[in-house]
Amino acid sequence: MKAGFLRTAVTAMALSAAMAGTANAAGCLKGAVVGGVAGHYAGHHAVVGALGGCVVGRHMAKKHAEEQAAAVPPTPQRAAQRAGGQQPAMQ
């Protein structure tokens, strides 16, 4: 039983690592794997753990993306795009 679970867990982790760069649901796959494993060991609730892990993973990925966007210093072109105006003319 443990060998089968271990093989499945390793396969799931390998697939999620391979797909992590192309996944549209940023953070969900990694969170689901971690949550599923944690839920399994916390009373055989792997599905509930995977759902919770997906939600937390998405939240953390969104928070990380917002922090990365805030860390980039604004240029005149980006400021104009955010304001909805036109780019300033080069002099």
N, C-alpha and C. Protein backbone atom coordinates (compact mmCIF):
# COMPACT_ATOMS: atom_id res chain seq x y z
N MET A 1 0.82 -1.19 0.00
CA MET A 1 0.00 0.00 0.00
C MET A 1 0.87 1.25 0.00
N LYS A 2 1.89 1.30 0.85
CA LYS A 2 2.74 2.47 0.91
C LYS A 2 3.54 2.65 -0.38
N ALA A 3 3.98 1.55 -0.97
CA ALA A 3 4.75 1.65 -2.21
C ALA A 3 3.90 2.23 -3.33
N GLY A 4 2.65 1.83 -3.40
CA GLY A 4 1.75 2.36 -4.42
C GLY A 4 1.48 3.84 -4.22
N PHE A 5 1.27 4.24 -2.97
CA PHE A 5 1.04 5.65 -2.67
C PHE A 5 2.28 6.46 -2.97
N LEU A 6 3.43 5.96 -2.58
CA LEU A 6 4.67 6.67 -2.82
C LEU A 6 4.92 6.85 -4.31
N ARG A 7 4.67 5.82 -5.08
CA ARG A 7 4.85 5.89 -6.53
C ARG A 7 3.90 6.93 -7.13
N THR A 8 2.65 6.93 -6.66
CA THR A 8 1.67 7.90 -7.15
C THR A 8 2.07 9.32 -6.77
N ALA A 9 2.54 9.50 -5.54
CA ALA A 9 2.94 10.83 -5.09
C ALA A 9 4.13 11.34 -5.89
N VAL A 10 5.11 10.48 -6.13
CA VAL A 10 6.29 10.89 -6.90
C VAL A 10 5.90 11.22 -8.34
N THR A 11 5.01 10.43 -8.92
CA THR A 11 4.55 10.69 -10.28
C THR A 11 3.81 12.02 -10.35
N ALA A 12 2.94 12.27 -9.38
CA ALA A 12 2.19 13.53 -9.36
C ALA A 12 3.11 14.72 -9.19
N MET A 13 4.11 14.59 -8.35
CA MET A 13 5.05 15.68 -8.15
C MET A 13 5.88 15.92 -9.40
N ALA A 14 6.28 14.86 -10.08
CA ALA A 14 7.06 15.01 -11.31
C ALA A 14 6.23 15.68 -12.40
N LEU A 15 4.97 15.28 -12.53
CA LEU A 15 4.10 15.88 -13.53
C LEU A 15 3.83 17.35 -13.21
N SER A 16 3.60 17.65 -11.95
CA SER A 16 3.33 19.04 -11.60
C SER A 16 4.56 19.91 -11.79
N ALA A 17 5.73 19.36 -11.52
CA ALA A 17 6.96 20.12 -11.75
C ALA A 17 7.18 20.36 -13.24
N ALA A 18 6.84 19.38 -14.06
CA ALA A 18 7.01 19.53 -15.50
C ALA A 18 6.02 20.52 -16.08
N MET A 19 4.83 20.59 -15.51
CA MET A 19 3.78 21.45 -16.03
C MET A 19 3.74 22.81 -15.35
N ALA A 20 4.54 23.03 -14.33
CA ALA A 20 4.44 24.26 -13.55
C ALA A 20 4.68 25.50 -14.39
N GLY A 21 5.54 25.42 -15.37
CA GLY A 21 5.82 26.59 -16.19
C GLY A 21 4.72 26.91 -17.17
N THR A 22 3.89 25.94 -17.53
CA THR A 22 2.86 26.17 -18.53
C THR A 22 1.47 26.23 -17.93
N ALA A 23 1.32 26.04 -16.66
CA ALA A 23 -0.01 26.01 -16.06
C ALA A 23 -0.60 27.41 -15.98
N ASN A 24 -1.87 27.53 -16.34
CA ASN A 24 -2.56 28.80 -16.22
C ASN A 24 -2.97 29.07 -14.79
N ALA A 25 -3.21 28.02 -14.04
CA ALA A 25 -3.61 28.15 -12.64
C ALA A 25 -2.35 28.20 -11.79
N ALA A 26 -1.72 29.35 -11.79
CA ALA A 26 -0.44 29.49 -11.09
C ALA A 26 -0.58 29.16 -9.62
N GLY A 27 0.24 28.26 -9.15
CA GLY A 27 0.25 27.89 -7.74
C GLY A 27 -0.70 26.78 -7.38
N CYS A 28 -1.70 26.52 -8.19
CA CYS A 28 -2.72 25.53 -7.86
C CYS A 28 -2.14 24.12 -7.86
N LEU A 29 -1.36 23.79 -8.85
CA LEU A 29 -0.83 22.43 -8.94
C LEU A 29 0.09 22.10 -7.77
N LYS A 30 0.99 23.01 -7.48
CA LYS A 30 1.91 22.77 -6.37
C LYS A 30 1.16 22.70 -5.05
N GLY A 31 0.23 23.61 -4.85
CA GLY A 31 -0.56 23.61 -3.63
C GLY A 31 -1.42 22.37 -3.50
N ALA A 32 -1.96 21.90 -4.61
CA ALA A 32 -2.80 20.71 -4.58
C ALA A 32 -1.99 19.47 -4.22
N VAL A 33 -0.79 19.37 -4.73
CA VAL A 33 0.06 18.22 -4.40
C VAL A 33 0.42 18.23 -2.93
N VAL A 34 0.86 19.38 -2.45
CA VAL A 34 1.24 19.48 -1.03
C VAL A 34 0.02 19.27 -0.14
N GLY A 35 -1.09 19.90 -0.48
CA GLY A 35 -2.31 19.75 0.31
C GLY A 35 -2.85 18.33 0.28
N GLY A 36 -2.75 17.67 -0.86
CA GLY A 36 -3.21 16.28 -0.96
C GLY A 36 -2.40 15.34 -0.10
N VAL A 37 -1.10 15.51 -0.10
CA VAL A 37 -0.23 14.67 0.73
C VAL A 37 -0.50 14.96 2.21
N ALA A 38 -0.61 16.24 2.56
CA ALA A 38 -0.87 16.60 3.96
C ALA A 38 -2.23 16.07 4.40
N GLY A 39 -3.23 16.21 3.54
CA GLY A 39 -4.57 15.71 3.87
C GLY A 39 -4.61 14.20 4.02
N HIS A 40 -3.83 13.52 3.21
CA HIS A 40 -3.78 12.05 3.30
C HIS A 40 -3.24 11.62 4.66
N TYR A 41 -2.18 12.27 5.08
CA TYR A 41 -1.58 11.90 6.36
C TYR A 41 -2.38 12.42 7.56
N ALA A 42 -3.24 13.39 7.34
CA ALA A 42 -4.03 13.96 8.44
C ALA A 42 -5.41 13.32 8.52
N GLY A 43 -5.54 12.09 8.11
CA GLY A 43 -6.81 11.41 8.29
C GLY A 43 -7.47 10.98 6.99
N HIS A 44 -6.70 10.72 5.97
CA HIS A 44 -7.21 10.23 4.68
C HIS A 44 -8.21 11.20 4.06
N HIS A 45 -7.87 12.47 4.06
CA HIS A 45 -8.69 13.49 3.43
C HIS A 45 -7.88 14.17 2.33
N ALA A 46 -7.37 13.37 1.41
CA ALA A 46 -6.49 13.89 0.37
C ALA A 46 -7.19 14.86 -0.56
N VAL A 47 -8.45 14.59 -0.90
CA VAL A 47 -9.17 15.45 -1.83
C VAL A 47 -9.43 16.82 -1.20
N VAL A 48 -9.84 16.82 0.06
CA VAL A 48 -10.08 18.08 0.76
C VAL A 48 -8.77 18.86 0.88
N GLY A 49 -7.69 18.16 1.19
CA GLY A 49 -6.39 18.81 1.29
C GLY A 49 -5.94 19.37 -0.04
N ALA A 50 -6.19 18.64 -1.12
CA ALA A 50 -5.81 19.12 -2.45
C ALA A 50 -6.60 20.37 -2.83
N LEU A 51 -7.88 20.40 -2.52
CA LEU A 51 -8.69 21.58 -2.82
C LEU A 51 -8.21 22.79 -2.01
N GLY A 52 -7.97 22.57 -0.73
CA GLY A 52 -7.47 23.65 0.11
C GLY A 52 -6.10 24.12 -0.34
N GLY A 53 -5.24 23.17 -0.70
CA GLY A 53 -3.91 23.53 -1.18
C GLY A 53 -3.95 24.32 -2.47
N CYS A 54 -4.89 23.99 -3.34
CA CYS A 54 -5.04 24.72 -4.60
C CYS A 54 -5.44 26.17 -4.32
N VAL A 55 -6.40 26.35 -3.42
CA VAL A 55 -6.85 27.70 -3.10
C VAL A 55 -5.71 28.52 -2.49
N VAL A 56 -5.01 27.93 -1.54
CA VAL A 56 -3.90 28.64 -0.90
C VAL A 56 -2.78 28.91 -1.90
N GLY A 57 -2.48 27.94 -2.75
CA GLY A 57 -1.44 28.11 -3.76
C GLY A 57 -1.75 29.23 -4.73
N ARG A 58 -3.02 29.33 -5.16
CA ARG A 58 -3.42 30.41 -6.07
C ARG A 58 -3.29 31.77 -5.38
N HIS A 59 -3.71 31.82 -4.12
CA HIS A 59 -3.61 33.07 -3.37
C HIS A 59 -2.16 33.52 -3.24
N MET A 60 -1.29 32.58 -2.90
CA MET A 60 0.12 32.93 -2.73
C MET A 60 0.76 33.34 -4.05
N ALA A 61 0.39 32.67 -5.15
CA ALA A 61 0.95 33.02 -6.45
C ALA A 61 0.48 34.41 -6.88
N LYS A 62 -0.79 34.72 -6.62
CA LYS A 62 -1.30 36.04 -6.97
C LYS A 62 -0.61 37.13 -6.15
N LYS A 63 -0.42 36.86 -4.86
CA LYS A 63 0.27 37.80 -3.98
C LYS A 63 1.71 38.02 -4.45
N HIS A 64 2.38 36.93 -4.83
CA HIS A 64 3.76 37.03 -5.31
C HIS A 64 3.82 37.83 -6.61
N ALA A 65 2.87 37.62 -7.51
CA ALA A 65 2.86 38.37 -8.77
C ALA A 65 2.64 39.85 -8.53
N GLU A 66 1.76 40.18 -7.58
CA GLU A 66 1.53 41.59 -7.26
C GLU A 66 2.77 42.23 -6.66
N GLU A 67 3.48 41.49 -5.81
CA GLU A 67 4.71 42.02 -5.23
C GLU A 67 5.77 42.23 -6.30
N GLN A 68 5.85 41.31 -7.26
CA GLN A 68 6.82 41.45 -8.34
C GLN A 68 6.49 42.65 -9.21
N ALA A 69 5.20 42.87 -9.48
CA ALA A 69 4.79 44.01 -10.30
C ALA A 69 5.07 45.32 -9.58
N ALA A 70 4.91 45.34 -8.28
CA ALA A 70 5.16 46.55 -7.51
C ALA A 70 6.66 46.84 -7.39
N ALA A 71 7.48 45.82 -7.50
CA ALA A 71 8.93 45.99 -7.35
C ALA A 71 9.57 46.58 -8.60
N VAL A 72 8.90 46.51 -9.74
CA VAL A 72 9.45 47.04 -10.99
C VAL A 72 9.26 48.56 -10.98
N PRO A 73 10.34 49.33 -11.11
CA PRO A 73 10.19 50.79 -11.09
C PRO A 73 9.43 51.26 -12.32
N PRO A 74 8.50 52.20 -12.14
CA PRO A 74 7.72 52.67 -13.30
C PRO A 74 8.55 53.53 -14.23
N THR A 75 8.38 53.33 -15.51
CA THR A 75 9.00 54.17 -16.52
C THR A 75 7.92 55.09 -17.07
N PRO A 76 8.29 56.14 -17.77
CA PRO A 76 7.24 57.03 -18.33
C PRO A 76 6.27 56.28 -19.24
N GLN A 77 6.76 55.29 -19.98
CA GLN A 77 5.89 54.53 -20.87
C GLN A 77 4.88 53.72 -20.07
N ARG A 78 5.33 53.04 -18.99
CA ARG A 78 4.42 52.24 -18.19
C ARG A 78 3.41 53.12 -17.46
N ALA A 79 3.86 54.28 -16.98
CA ALA A 79 2.96 55.19 -16.28
C ALA A 79 1.87 55.67 -17.23
N ALA A 80 2.23 55.98 -18.48
CA ALA A 80 1.24 56.44 -19.45
C ALA A 80 0.27 55.33 -19.81
N GLN A 81 0.75 54.09 -19.90
CA GLN A 81 -0.12 52.97 -20.22
C GLN A 81 -1.12 52.73 -19.09
N ARG A 82 -0.67 52.83 -17.84
CA ARG A 82 -1.57 52.64 -16.72
C ARG A 82 -2.62 53.74 -16.65
N ALA A 83 -2.21 54.96 -16.98
CA ALA A 83 -3.15 56.10 -16.93
C ALA A 83 -4.09 56.10 -18.12
N GLY A 84 -3.79 55.30 -19.12
CA GLY A 84 -4.65 55.23 -20.29
C GLY A 84 -4.34 56.31 -21.32
N GLY A 85 -3.29 57.07 -21.08
CA GLY A 85 -2.90 58.12 -22.01
C GLY A 85 -1.93 57.61 -23.05
N GLN A 86 -1.44 58.55 -23.83
CA GLN A 86 -0.47 58.19 -24.84
C GLN A 86 0.93 58.32 -24.27
N GLN A 87 1.85 57.65 -24.92
CA GLN A 87 3.24 57.70 -24.49
C GLN A 87 3.81 59.09 -24.76
N PRO A 88 4.67 59.59 -23.88
CA PRO A 88 5.25 60.91 -24.12
C PRO A 88 6.18 60.88 -25.33
N ALA A 89 6.19 61.99 -26.05
CA ALA A 89 7.02 62.09 -27.26
C ALA A 89 8.47 62.25 -26.85
N MET A 90 9.34 61.60 -27.60
CA MET A 90 10.79 61.70 -27.35
C MET A 90 11.27 63.04 -27.90
N GLN A 91 12.07 63.74 -27.12
CA GLN A 91 12.54 65.06 -27.54
C GLN A 91 13.98 64.99 -27.93
